[in-house]
């Protein structure tokens, strides 16, 4: 599966008990809901590892990182792991800055079994505004749960997103004239 947004794309595959994600360009909020759905489906299929190839990833926003952190938290409950491979110094800094270093593994060695396969599927961006906003709220809440010091960084973002969600809910409830 994959998403393509102005040169930014994410490809995915599942082989055995390993889910693979390859990021091209920036990992952003636009792929968050689809990435979470893929990760949860992979875990439902018995995957105990999610490997994220970061060599071509030029950056990540907080929603993308929160989505990865949420998946890593879920996997950790059963002894699974999220590994980021070939992360740039910039991406390593972002992971460290948000307190995710103990949750996701960065540049751990990979076994022969874990080598990245060729991927033909891309995540599709088919997310409505409400679903996207809910995914962004969830991702930021994970970042705060993982590292409570992140509340200072994201409290205004969460307030804005929650207000936006309230407004979207109210407009959906009003009858059309």
N, C-alpha and C. Protein backbone atom coordinates (compact mmCIF):
# COMPACT_ATOMS: atom_id res chain seq x y z
N UNK A 1 0.85 -1.18 0.00
CA UNK A 1 0.00 0.00 0.00
C UNK A 1 0.88 1.22 0.00
N UNK A 2 0.33 2.42 -0.33
CA UNK A 2 1.15 3.62 -0.30
C UNK A 2 0.39 4.91 -0.37
N UNK A 3 1.05 5.97 0.01
CA UNK A 3 0.52 7.31 -0.13
C UNK A 3 1.54 8.14 -0.88
N UNK A 4 1.07 8.98 -1.77
CA UNK A 4 1.97 9.85 -2.52
C UNK A 4 1.43 11.26 -2.42
N UNK A 5 2.20 12.15 -1.84
CA UNK A 5 1.77 13.52 -1.64
C UNK A 5 2.92 14.43 -2.03
N UNK A 6 2.88 14.90 -3.26
CA UNK A 6 3.90 15.82 -3.77
C UNK A 6 5.31 15.29 -3.52
N UNK A 7 5.55 14.05 -3.92
CA UNK A 7 6.87 13.47 -3.77
C UNK A 7 7.08 12.74 -2.46
N UNK A 8 6.21 12.97 -1.47
CA UNK A 8 6.29 12.24 -0.21
C UNK A 8 5.45 10.99 -0.37
N UNK A 9 6.02 9.84 -0.04
CA UNK A 9 5.24 8.61 -0.16
C UNK A 9 5.69 7.60 0.88
N UNK A 10 4.80 6.65 1.15
CA UNK A 10 5.07 5.58 2.10
C UNK A 10 4.62 4.29 1.45
N UNK A 11 5.52 3.32 1.40
CA UNK A 11 5.20 2.01 0.88
C UNK A 11 5.23 1.00 2.01
N UNK A 12 4.39 -0.03 1.90
CA UNK A 12 4.30 -1.02 2.97
C UNK A 12 4.24 -2.43 2.40
N UNK A 13 4.60 -3.37 3.24
CA UNK A 13 4.51 -4.79 2.88
C UNK A 13 4.49 -5.59 4.17
N UNK A 14 3.99 -6.80 4.07
CA UNK A 14 4.03 -7.74 5.19
C UNK A 14 4.62 -9.04 4.66
N UNK A 15 5.59 -9.55 5.41
CA UNK A 15 6.20 -10.84 5.07
C UNK A 15 6.42 -11.58 6.38
N UNK A 16 5.83 -12.74 6.47
CA UNK A 16 5.90 -13.55 7.67
C UNK A 16 5.33 -12.74 8.85
N UNK A 17 6.09 -12.57 9.90
CA UNK A 17 5.61 -11.82 11.07
C UNK A 17 6.22 -10.42 11.14
N UNK A 18 6.63 -9.91 9.98
CA UNK A 18 7.27 -8.60 9.94
C UNK A 18 6.50 -7.69 9.01
N UNK A 19 6.19 -6.48 9.50
CA UNK A 19 5.57 -5.44 8.68
C UNK A 19 6.67 -4.46 8.29
N UNK A 20 6.68 -4.07 7.04
CA UNK A 20 7.71 -3.17 6.52
C UNK A 20 7.07 -1.86 6.07
N UNK A 21 7.76 -0.77 6.34
CA UNK A 21 7.32 0.56 5.92
C UNK A 21 8.55 1.25 5.34
N UNK A 22 8.41 1.83 4.17
CA UNK A 22 9.50 2.60 3.56
C UNK A 22 8.99 4.01 3.33
N UNK A 23 9.70 5.01 3.88
CA UNK A 23 9.28 6.41 3.80
C UNK A 23 10.16 7.14 2.79
N UNK A 24 9.51 7.82 1.85
CA UNK A 24 10.20 8.67 0.87
C UNK A 24 9.76 10.11 1.12
N UNK A 25 10.71 11.02 1.25
CA UNK A 25 10.35 12.40 1.55
C UNK A 25 9.98 12.52 3.03
N UNK A 26 8.96 13.35 3.30
CA UNK A 26 8.55 13.57 4.69
C UNK A 26 7.46 12.60 5.13
N UNK A 27 7.58 12.13 6.37
CA UNK A 27 6.50 11.37 7.01
C UNK A 27 5.63 12.39 7.71
N UNK A 28 4.37 12.53 7.28
CA UNK A 28 3.52 13.60 7.81
C UNK A 28 2.17 13.09 8.31
N UNK A 29 1.41 14.02 8.85
CA UNK A 29 0.07 13.75 9.37
C UNK A 29 -0.86 13.17 8.31
N UNK A 30 -0.58 13.44 7.06
CA UNK A 30 -1.46 12.97 6.00
C UNK A 30 -1.47 11.46 5.87
N UNK A 31 -0.41 10.82 6.28
CA UNK A 31 -0.35 9.36 6.19
C UNK A 31 -0.63 8.70 7.54
N UNK A 32 -0.74 9.49 8.60
CA UNK A 32 -0.95 8.94 9.95
C UNK A 32 -2.08 7.93 10.06
N UNK A 33 -3.30 8.29 9.65
CA UNK A 33 -4.40 7.32 9.79
C UNK A 33 -4.17 6.03 9.01
N UNK A 34 -3.68 6.14 7.79
CA UNK A 34 -3.44 4.94 6.98
C UNK A 34 -2.31 4.10 7.57
N UNK A 35 -1.27 4.76 8.10
CA UNK A 35 -0.16 4.04 8.71
C UNK A 35 -0.64 3.29 9.96
N UNK A 36 -1.46 3.96 10.77
CA UNK A 36 -1.99 3.32 11.97
C UNK A 36 -2.85 2.11 11.58
N UNK A 37 -3.70 2.28 10.60
CA UNK A 37 -4.56 1.19 10.14
C UNK A 37 -3.72 0.01 9.64
N UNK A 38 -2.67 0.30 8.86
CA UNK A 38 -1.79 -0.75 8.37
C UNK A 38 -1.11 -1.46 9.54
N UNK A 39 -0.57 -0.68 10.48
CA UNK A 39 0.14 -1.26 11.62
C UNK A 39 -0.77 -2.14 12.47
N UNK A 40 -1.99 -1.68 12.72
CA UNK A 40 -2.93 -2.46 13.53
C UNK A 40 -3.32 -3.75 12.78
N UNK A 41 -3.54 -3.64 11.47
CA UNK A 41 -3.88 -4.82 10.68
C UNK A 41 -2.71 -5.82 10.68
N UNK A 42 -1.49 -5.29 10.60
CA UNK A 42 -0.31 -6.16 10.64
C UNK A 42 -0.24 -6.90 11.97
N UNK A 43 -0.49 -6.20 13.06
CA UNK A 43 -0.47 -6.85 14.37
C UNK A 43 -1.58 -7.90 14.48
N UNK A 44 -2.75 -7.58 13.92
CA UNK A 44 -3.85 -8.55 13.91
C UNK A 44 -3.47 -9.82 13.15
N UNK A 45 -2.59 -9.66 12.16
CA UNK A 45 -2.12 -10.81 11.37
C UNK A 45 -0.95 -11.52 12.03
N UNK A 46 -0.55 -11.07 13.22
CA UNK A 46 0.50 -11.75 13.96
C UNK A 46 1.89 -11.14 13.83
N UNK A 47 2.01 -9.98 13.19
CA UNK A 47 3.32 -9.34 13.07
C UNK A 47 3.79 -8.88 14.45
N UNK A 48 5.06 -9.15 14.75
CA UNK A 48 5.62 -8.72 16.02
C UNK A 48 6.72 -7.67 15.83
N UNK A 49 6.97 -7.29 14.59
CA UNK A 49 7.96 -6.25 14.30
C UNK A 49 7.44 -5.36 13.17
N UNK A 50 7.70 -4.07 13.32
CA UNK A 50 7.47 -3.13 12.23
C UNK A 50 8.82 -2.47 11.97
N UNK A 51 9.33 -2.68 10.76
CA UNK A 51 10.61 -2.09 10.36
C UNK A 51 10.33 -0.92 9.44
N UNK A 52 10.90 0.23 9.77
CA UNK A 52 10.66 1.45 9.01
C UNK A 52 11.97 1.89 8.36
N UNK A 53 12.04 1.78 7.05
CA UNK A 53 13.23 2.20 6.29
C UNK A 53 13.18 3.71 6.15
N UNK A 54 14.18 4.39 6.72
CA UNK A 54 14.20 5.85 6.79
C UNK A 54 15.26 6.49 5.90
N UNK A 55 15.95 5.71 5.11
CA UNK A 55 17.06 6.24 4.32
C UNK A 55 16.64 7.42 3.44
N UNK A 56 15.46 7.35 2.85
CA UNK A 56 14.98 8.42 1.96
C UNK A 56 14.00 9.36 2.65
N UNK A 57 13.90 9.26 3.99
CA UNK A 57 12.99 10.11 4.76
C UNK A 57 13.71 11.42 5.12
N UNK A 58 13.17 12.54 4.65
CA UNK A 58 13.81 13.83 4.89
C UNK A 58 13.34 14.51 6.16
N UNK A 59 12.32 13.96 6.80
CA UNK A 59 11.82 14.54 8.05
C UNK A 59 10.50 13.91 8.44
N UNK A 60 10.09 14.19 9.68
CA UNK A 60 8.83 13.66 10.20
C UNK A 60 8.15 14.74 11.00
N UNK A 61 6.82 14.79 10.91
CA UNK A 61 6.11 15.70 11.79
C UNK A 61 5.67 14.94 13.04
N UNK A 62 5.14 15.67 14.01
CA UNK A 62 4.79 15.06 15.29
C UNK A 62 3.68 14.03 15.16
N UNK A 63 2.75 14.23 14.25
CA UNK A 63 1.67 13.25 14.08
C UNK A 63 2.24 11.92 13.59
N UNK A 64 3.13 11.98 12.63
CA UNK A 64 3.76 10.76 12.10
C UNK A 64 4.52 10.06 13.22
N UNK A 65 5.29 10.82 14.01
CA UNK A 65 6.06 10.21 15.08
C UNK A 65 5.15 9.67 16.17
N UNK A 66 4.05 10.37 16.45
CA UNK A 66 3.09 9.87 17.44
C UNK A 66 2.43 8.59 16.98
N UNK A 67 2.17 8.50 15.68
CA UNK A 67 1.59 7.26 15.13
C UNK A 67 2.57 6.11 15.29
N UNK A 68 3.84 6.34 14.97
CA UNK A 68 4.86 5.30 15.18
C UNK A 68 4.96 4.92 16.66
N UNK A 69 4.91 5.93 17.54
CA UNK A 69 5.00 5.67 18.98
C UNK A 69 3.80 4.85 19.45
N UNK A 70 2.61 5.14 18.93
CA UNK A 70 1.43 4.37 19.30
C UNK A 70 1.55 2.92 18.88
N UNK A 71 2.03 2.71 17.67
CA UNK A 71 2.24 1.34 17.19
C UNK A 71 3.30 0.63 18.04
N UNK A 72 4.37 1.34 18.37
CA UNK A 72 5.43 0.76 19.20
C UNK A 72 4.90 0.40 20.59
N UNK A 73 4.05 1.25 21.15
CA UNK A 73 3.45 0.96 22.46
C UNK A 73 2.60 -0.29 22.42
N UNK A 74 1.81 -0.42 21.37
CA UNK A 74 0.97 -1.62 21.21
C UNK A 74 1.83 -2.86 21.08
N UNK A 75 2.85 -2.80 20.24
CA UNK A 75 3.73 -3.95 20.04
C UNK A 75 4.48 -4.32 21.32
N UNK A 76 4.90 -3.32 22.08
CA UNK A 76 5.67 -3.57 23.30
C UNK A 76 4.88 -4.41 24.30
N UNK A 77 3.55 -4.29 24.28
CA UNK A 77 2.72 -5.06 25.21
C UNK A 77 2.86 -6.56 25.01
N UNK A 78 3.26 -6.96 23.81
CA UNK A 78 3.40 -8.39 23.51
C UNK A 78 4.85 -8.75 23.18
N UNK A 79 5.78 -7.87 23.52
CA UNK A 79 7.19 -8.14 23.27
C UNK A 79 7.67 -7.77 21.88
N UNK A 80 6.82 -7.08 21.11
CA UNK A 80 7.20 -6.67 19.77
C UNK A 80 7.96 -5.36 19.77
N UNK A 81 8.34 -4.92 18.55
CA UNK A 81 9.20 -3.74 18.45
C UNK A 81 8.98 -3.01 17.13
N UNK A 82 9.21 -1.69 17.16
CA UNK A 82 9.31 -0.87 15.95
C UNK A 82 10.77 -0.48 15.83
N UNK A 83 11.36 -0.77 14.66
CA UNK A 83 12.76 -0.41 14.40
C UNK A 83 12.80 0.61 13.26
N UNK A 84 13.55 1.68 13.47
CA UNK A 84 13.79 2.66 12.42
C UNK A 84 15.18 2.38 11.85
N UNK A 85 15.25 2.17 10.56
CA UNK A 85 16.50 1.81 9.91
C UNK A 85 17.04 2.97 9.09
N UNK A 86 18.33 3.19 9.17
CA UNK A 86 19.02 4.21 8.38
C UNK A 86 18.46 5.62 8.61
N UNK A 87 18.13 5.92 9.85
CA UNK A 87 17.61 7.25 10.18
C UNK A 87 18.72 8.29 10.08
N UNK A 88 18.37 9.43 9.52
CA UNK A 88 19.35 10.53 9.41
C UNK A 88 19.57 11.13 10.80
N UNK A 89 20.62 11.93 10.93
CA UNK A 89 20.88 12.62 12.19
C UNK A 89 19.69 13.48 12.59
N UNK A 90 19.09 14.14 11.61
CA UNK A 90 17.92 14.99 11.88
C UNK A 90 16.77 14.16 12.46
N UNK A 91 16.49 13.01 11.86
CA UNK A 91 15.40 12.17 12.35
C UNK A 91 15.73 11.55 13.70
N UNK A 92 16.99 11.20 13.92
CA UNK A 92 17.41 10.71 15.25
C UNK A 92 17.19 11.78 16.30
N UNK A 93 17.52 13.02 15.95
CA UNK A 93 17.33 14.14 16.88
C UNK A 93 15.85 14.30 17.21
N UNK A 94 14.97 14.22 16.20
CA UNK A 94 13.53 14.36 16.44
C UNK A 94 13.03 13.27 17.39
N UNK A 95 13.46 12.04 17.18
CA UNK A 95 13.06 10.92 18.04
C UNK A 95 13.53 11.17 19.48
N UNK A 96 14.77 11.61 19.62
CA UNK A 96 15.32 11.89 20.95
C UNK A 96 14.59 13.06 21.60
N UNK A 97 14.35 14.13 20.83
CA UNK A 97 13.72 15.34 21.36
C UNK A 97 12.32 15.06 21.93
N UNK A 98 11.60 14.12 21.32
CA UNK A 98 10.25 13.81 21.78
C UNK A 98 10.21 12.65 22.78
N UNK A 99 11.39 12.19 23.20
CA UNK A 99 11.45 11.18 24.24
C UNK A 99 11.06 9.78 23.79
N UNK A 100 11.25 9.50 22.51
CA UNK A 100 10.83 8.20 21.97
C UNK A 100 11.97 7.19 21.87
N UNK A 101 13.16 7.59 22.28
CA UNK A 101 14.36 6.74 22.13
C UNK A 101 14.22 5.40 22.83
N UNK A 102 13.47 5.36 23.96
CA UNK A 102 13.31 4.10 24.67
C UNK A 102 12.16 3.27 24.11
N UNK A 103 11.36 3.86 23.25
CA UNK A 103 10.19 3.17 22.71
C UNK A 103 10.44 2.56 21.34
N UNK A 104 11.11 3.30 20.47
CA UNK A 104 11.43 2.78 19.14
C UNK A 104 12.94 2.56 19.08
N UNK A 105 13.34 1.53 18.39
CA UNK A 105 14.77 1.26 18.25
C UNK A 105 15.26 1.94 16.99
N UNK A 106 16.38 2.60 17.10
CA UNK A 106 16.95 3.31 15.96
C UNK A 106 18.24 2.63 15.54
N UNK A 107 18.25 2.20 14.29
CA UNK A 107 19.43 1.59 13.67
C UNK A 107 19.96 0.36 14.39
N UNK A 108 19.06 -0.42 15.00
CA UNK A 108 19.46 -1.73 15.50
C UNK A 108 19.86 -2.58 14.30
N UNK A 109 20.79 -3.50 14.49
CA UNK A 109 21.13 -4.39 13.37
C UNK A 109 19.90 -5.21 12.97
N UNK A 110 19.81 -5.52 11.69
CA UNK A 110 18.70 -6.34 11.20
C UNK A 110 19.22 -7.72 10.81
N UNK A 111 18.41 -8.70 11.06
CA UNK A 111 18.77 -10.07 10.69
C UNK A 111 18.49 -10.27 9.20
N UNK A 112 18.95 -11.37 8.68
CA UNK A 112 18.69 -11.70 7.27
C UNK A 112 17.18 -11.75 7.02
N UNK A 113 16.45 -12.31 7.98
CA UNK A 113 14.98 -12.41 7.86
C UNK A 113 14.32 -11.02 7.78
N UNK A 114 14.94 -10.03 8.41
CA UNK A 114 14.35 -8.70 8.47
C UNK A 114 14.71 -7.80 7.28
N UNK A 115 15.52 -8.25 6.38
CA UNK A 115 15.91 -7.42 5.24
C UNK A 115 14.69 -6.93 4.49
N UNK A 116 14.74 -5.69 4.09
CA UNK A 116 13.62 -5.02 3.43
C UNK A 116 13.30 -5.68 2.08
N UNK A 117 12.05 -6.11 1.90
CA UNK A 117 11.67 -6.70 0.61
C UNK A 117 11.34 -5.60 -0.40
N UNK A 118 11.18 -5.97 -1.67
CA UNK A 118 10.69 -4.97 -2.62
C UNK A 118 9.21 -4.77 -2.30
N UNK A 119 8.78 -3.56 -2.44
CA UNK A 119 7.41 -3.23 -2.07
C UNK A 119 6.67 -2.70 -3.27
N UNK A 120 5.44 -3.11 -3.37
CA UNK A 120 4.63 -2.66 -4.50
C UNK A 120 3.38 -1.93 -4.06
N UNK A 121 3.07 -1.96 -2.77
CA UNK A 121 1.85 -1.31 -2.30
C UNK A 121 2.20 -0.01 -1.60
N UNK A 122 1.33 0.99 -1.80
CA UNK A 122 1.49 2.28 -1.15
C UNK A 122 0.25 2.56 -0.33
N UNK A 123 0.44 3.28 0.79
CA UNK A 123 -0.71 3.68 1.60
C UNK A 123 -1.51 4.71 0.83
N UNK A 124 -2.82 4.55 0.83
CA UNK A 124 -3.70 5.47 0.11
C UNK A 124 -4.25 6.53 1.05
N UNK A 125 -4.19 7.76 0.61
CA UNK A 125 -4.72 8.88 1.39
C UNK A 125 -6.20 9.02 1.07
N UNK A 126 -7.02 8.37 1.90
CA UNK A 126 -8.48 8.44 1.73
C UNK A 126 -9.10 8.78 3.06
N UNK A 127 -8.61 9.80 3.70
CA UNK A 127 -9.03 10.12 5.04
C UNK A 127 -9.85 11.40 5.02
N UNK A 128 -11.03 11.36 5.66
CA UNK A 128 -11.84 12.55 5.81
C UNK A 128 -11.26 13.45 6.88
N UNK A 129 -11.71 14.69 6.90
CA UNK A 129 -11.20 15.68 7.85
C UNK A 129 -11.38 15.22 9.30
N UNK A 130 -12.55 14.70 9.63
CA UNK A 130 -12.81 14.26 11.00
C UNK A 130 -11.85 13.13 11.39
N UNK A 131 -11.69 12.12 10.53
CA UNK A 131 -10.81 11.00 10.83
C UNK A 131 -9.36 11.47 10.95
N UNK A 132 -8.96 12.38 10.09
CA UNK A 132 -7.59 12.91 10.13
C UNK A 132 -7.36 13.67 11.44
N UNK A 133 -8.32 14.50 11.84
CA UNK A 133 -8.20 15.26 13.08
C UNK A 133 -8.14 14.33 14.28
N UNK A 134 -9.00 13.31 14.29
CA UNK A 134 -8.97 12.33 15.39
C UNK A 134 -7.62 11.61 15.45
N UNK A 135 -7.08 11.26 14.29
CA UNK A 135 -5.78 10.59 14.26
C UNK A 135 -4.67 11.51 14.76
N UNK A 136 -4.76 12.79 14.41
CA UNK A 136 -3.75 13.75 14.88
C UNK A 136 -3.83 13.91 16.40
N UNK A 137 -5.05 13.98 16.93
CA UNK A 137 -5.22 14.09 18.39
C UNK A 137 -4.63 12.85 19.06
N UNK A 138 -4.97 11.67 18.57
CA UNK A 138 -4.48 10.43 19.14
C UNK A 138 -2.96 10.35 19.12
N UNK A 139 -2.35 10.73 18.00
CA UNK A 139 -0.89 10.69 17.88
C UNK A 139 -0.22 11.61 18.88
N UNK A 140 -0.76 12.81 19.07
CA UNK A 140 -0.17 13.75 20.01
C UNK A 140 -0.39 13.31 21.46
N UNK A 141 -1.52 12.69 21.74
CA UNK A 141 -1.75 12.15 23.09
C UNK A 141 -0.74 11.05 23.39
N UNK A 142 -0.40 10.23 22.41
CA UNK A 142 0.62 9.18 22.61
C UNK A 142 1.96 9.83 22.94
N UNK A 143 2.32 10.88 22.21
CA UNK A 143 3.60 11.54 22.47
C UNK A 143 3.66 12.08 23.90
N UNK A 144 2.54 12.55 24.41
CA UNK A 144 2.50 13.06 25.79
C UNK A 144 2.53 11.90 26.78
N UNK A 145 1.83 10.81 26.48
CA UNK A 145 1.85 9.65 27.36
C UNK A 145 3.25 9.07 27.47
N UNK A 146 3.95 9.01 26.35
CA UNK A 146 5.30 8.43 26.31
C UNK A 146 6.30 9.32 27.04
N UNK A 147 6.17 10.62 26.85
CA UNK A 147 7.10 11.57 27.48
C UNK A 147 6.29 12.77 27.97
N UNK A 148 5.87 12.75 29.24
CA UNK A 148 4.99 13.81 29.77
C UNK A 148 5.52 15.23 29.56
N UNK A 149 6.83 15.39 29.41
CA UNK A 149 7.37 16.74 29.15
C UNK A 149 6.91 17.29 27.80
N UNK A 150 6.39 16.42 26.94
CA UNK A 150 5.88 16.87 25.64
C UNK A 150 4.58 17.65 25.75
N UNK A 151 3.93 17.63 26.92
CA UNK A 151 2.68 18.38 27.07
C UNK A 151 2.90 19.86 26.75
N UNK A 152 4.03 20.39 27.14
CA UNK A 152 4.34 21.80 26.87
C UNK A 152 4.43 22.05 25.37
N UNK A 153 5.00 21.11 24.65
CA UNK A 153 5.17 21.26 23.20
C UNK A 153 3.86 21.15 22.44
N UNK A 154 2.91 20.36 22.96
CA UNK A 154 1.74 20.03 22.16
C UNK A 154 0.39 20.44 22.76
N UNK A 155 0.38 21.11 23.92
CA UNK A 155 -0.91 21.45 24.52
C UNK A 155 -1.71 22.40 23.63
N UNK A 156 -1.05 23.37 22.99
CA UNK A 156 -1.78 24.29 22.11
C UNK A 156 -2.27 23.58 20.85
N UNK A 157 -1.46 22.69 20.32
CA UNK A 157 -1.85 21.90 19.14
C UNK A 157 -3.09 21.07 19.47
N UNK A 158 -3.06 20.40 20.64
CA UNK A 158 -4.20 19.58 21.04
C UNK A 158 -5.45 20.42 21.26
N UNK A 159 -5.30 21.58 21.88
CA UNK A 159 -6.46 22.47 22.08
C UNK A 159 -7.07 22.86 20.75
N UNK A 160 -6.22 23.26 19.81
CA UNK A 160 -6.69 23.66 18.49
C UNK A 160 -7.41 22.49 17.79
N UNK A 161 -6.79 21.32 17.82
CA UNK A 161 -7.37 20.16 17.15
C UNK A 161 -8.70 19.75 17.77
N UNK A 162 -8.78 19.81 19.11
CA UNK A 162 -10.04 19.45 19.77
C UNK A 162 -11.15 20.44 19.44
N UNK A 163 -10.81 21.72 19.38
CA UNK A 163 -11.81 22.73 18.99
C UNK A 163 -12.23 22.52 17.54
N UNK A 164 -11.28 22.22 16.69
CA UNK A 164 -11.57 21.96 15.28
C UNK A 164 -12.51 20.75 15.15
N UNK A 165 -12.25 19.72 15.94
CA UNK A 165 -13.08 18.53 15.92
C UNK A 165 -14.50 18.83 16.42
N UNK A 166 -14.59 19.65 17.48
CA UNK A 166 -15.91 20.05 17.99
C UNK A 166 -16.70 20.78 16.92
N UNK A 167 -16.03 21.70 16.23
CA UNK A 167 -16.69 22.46 15.17
C UNK A 167 -17.15 21.56 14.04
N UNK A 168 -16.34 20.59 13.68
CA UNK A 168 -16.70 19.66 12.61
C UNK A 168 -17.89 18.80 13.02
N UNK A 169 -17.92 18.39 14.30
CA UNK A 169 -19.01 17.57 14.81
C UNK A 169 -20.31 18.37 14.80
N UNK A 170 -20.25 19.63 15.25
CA UNK A 170 -21.46 20.48 15.29
C UNK A 170 -22.00 20.71 13.88
N UNK A 171 -21.12 20.98 12.92
CA UNK A 171 -21.59 21.24 11.56
C UNK A 171 -22.20 20.00 10.92
N UNK A 172 -21.74 18.82 11.33
CA UNK A 172 -22.30 17.57 10.80
C UNK A 172 -23.68 17.29 11.41
N UNK A 173 -23.89 17.78 12.67
CA UNK A 173 -25.15 17.52 13.36
C UNK A 173 -26.27 18.45 12.90
N UNK A 174 -25.93 19.62 12.37
CA UNK A 174 -26.96 20.58 11.94
C UNK A 174 -27.63 20.09 10.67
N UNK A 175 -28.98 20.16 10.63
CA UNK A 175 -29.68 19.72 9.43
C UNK A 175 -29.41 20.67 8.27
N UNK A 176 -29.36 20.10 7.08
CA UNK A 176 -29.15 20.90 5.87
C UNK A 176 -30.41 21.65 5.57
N UNK A 177 -30.27 22.94 5.13
CA UNK A 177 -31.49 23.70 4.81
C UNK A 177 -31.81 23.66 3.35
